[in-house]
């Protein structure tokens, strides 16, 4: 179940940037850097990883 949660989280993260690209036709340098680093999703991902490891 936790693996599914991680997958959904990553899909939503990717979807956010895809929507932005499709609506604007481009991504800024900041958008690309944020997407590459994945800072928006890292904390949530770590929490799920901890829950998986604890199981």
C-alpha atoms as a PDB file:
ATOM      1  CA  UNK A   1       0.000   0.000   0.000  1.00  0.00           C
ATOM      2  CA  UNK A   2       2.829   2.389   0.851  1.00  0.00           C
ATOM      3  CA  UNK A   3       4.505   1.675  -2.490  1.00  0.00           C
ATOM      4  CA  UNK A   4       1.264   2.701  -4.158  1.00  0.00           C
ATOM      5  CA  UNK A   5       1.211   5.922  -2.132  1.00  0.00           C
ATOM      6  CA  UNK A   6       4.760   6.714  -3.264  1.00  0.00           C
ATOM      7  CA  UNK A   7       3.833   6.083  -6.879  1.00  0.00           C
ATOM      8  CA  UNK A   8       0.792   8.331  -6.638  1.00  0.00           C
ATOM      9  CA  UNK A   9       2.881  11.058  -5.046  1.00  0.00           C
ATOM     10  CA  UNK A  10       5.410  10.919  -7.880  1.00  0.00           C
ATOM     11  CA  UNK A  11       2.689  10.882 -10.519  1.00  0.00           C
ATOM     12  CA  UNK A  12       1.065  13.979  -9.012  1.00  0.00           C
ATOM     13  CA  UNK A  13       4.437  15.721  -8.860  1.00  0.00           C
ATOM     14  CA  UNK A  14       5.141  14.960 -12.530  1.00  0.00           C
ATOM     15  CA  UNK A  15       1.606  15.903 -13.518  1.00  0.00           C
ATOM     16  CA  UNK A  16       2.004  19.361 -11.978  1.00  0.00           C
ATOM     17  CA  UNK A  17       4.980  20.172 -14.209  1.00  0.00           C
ATOM     18  CA  UNK A  18       3.443  18.568 -17.286  1.00  0.00           C
ATOM     19  CA  UNK A  19       0.292  20.676 -16.869  1.00  0.00           C
ATOM     20  CA  UNK A  20       2.418  23.797 -16.483  1.00  0.00           C
ATOM     21  CA  UNK A  21       4.396  22.951 -19.611  1.00  0.00           C
ATOM     22  CA  UNK A  22       1.305  22.172 -21.661  1.00  0.00           C
ATOM     23  CA  UNK A  23      -0.495  25.363 -20.616  1.00  0.00           C
ATOM     24  CA  UNK A  24       2.495  27.711 -21.016  1.00  0.00           C
ATOM     25  CA  UNK A  25       4.429  25.905 -23.732  1.00  0.00           C
ATOM     26  CA  UNK A  26       7.631  26.198 -21.734  1.00  0.00           C
ATOM     27  CA  UNK A  27       9.127  25.830 -18.283  1.00  0.00           C
ATOM     28  CA  UNK A  28      11.334  28.401 -16.616  1.00  0.00           C
ATOM     29  CA  UNK A  29      14.838  27.602 -15.443  1.00  0.00           C
ATOM     30  CA  UNK A  30      13.480  27.618 -11.876  1.00  0.00           C
ATOM     31  CA  UNK A  31      10.721  25.158 -12.847  1.00  0.00           C
ATOM     32  CA  UNK A  32      13.278  22.812 -14.376  1.00  0.00           C
ATOM     33  CA  UNK A  33      15.564  23.070 -11.366  1.00  0.00           C
ATOM     34  CA  UNK A  34      12.663  22.455  -8.967  1.00  0.00           C
ATOM     35  CA  UNK A  35      11.539  19.485 -11.037  1.00  0.00           C
ATOM     36  CA  UNK A  36      15.039  18.042 -11.174  1.00  0.00           C
ATOM     37  CA  UNK A  37      15.696  18.467  -7.466  1.00  0.00           C
ATOM     38  CA  UNK A  38      12.230  17.276  -6.451  1.00  0.00           C
ATOM     39  CA  UNK A  39      12.307  19.290  -3.242  1.00  0.00           C
ATOM     40  CA  UNK A  40       8.506  19.597  -3.226  1.00  0.00           C
ATOM     41  CA  UNK A  41       8.089  15.869  -2.917  1.00  0.00           C
ATOM     42  CA  UNK A  42      11.183  14.712  -0.989  1.00  0.00           C
ATOM     43  CA  UNK A  43       9.822  15.253   2.530  1.00  0.00           C
ATOM     44  CA  UNK A  44       6.569  13.444   1.816  1.00  0.00           C
ATOM     45  CA  UNK A  45       8.481  10.651   0.128  1.00  0.00           C
ATOM     46  CA  UNK A  46      10.790  10.250   3.142  1.00  0.00           C
ATOM     47  CA  UNK A  47       7.821   9.932   5.495  1.00  0.00           C
ATOM     48  CA  UNK A  48       6.368   7.150   3.379  1.00  0.00           C
ATOM     49  CA  UNK A  49       9.770   5.439   3.226  1.00  0.00           C
ATOM     50  CA  UNK A  50      10.023   5.521   7.024  1.00  0.00           C
ATOM     51  CA  UNK A  51       6.564   3.981   7.327  1.00  0.00           C
ATOM     52  CA  UNK A  52       7.521   1.233   4.874  1.00  0.00           C
ATOM     53  CA  UNK A  53      10.758   0.495   6.733  1.00  0.00           C
ATOM     54  CA  UNK A  54       8.898   0.344  10.054  1.00  0.00           C
ATOM     55  CA  UNK A  55       6.462  -2.252   8.700  1.00  0.00           C
END
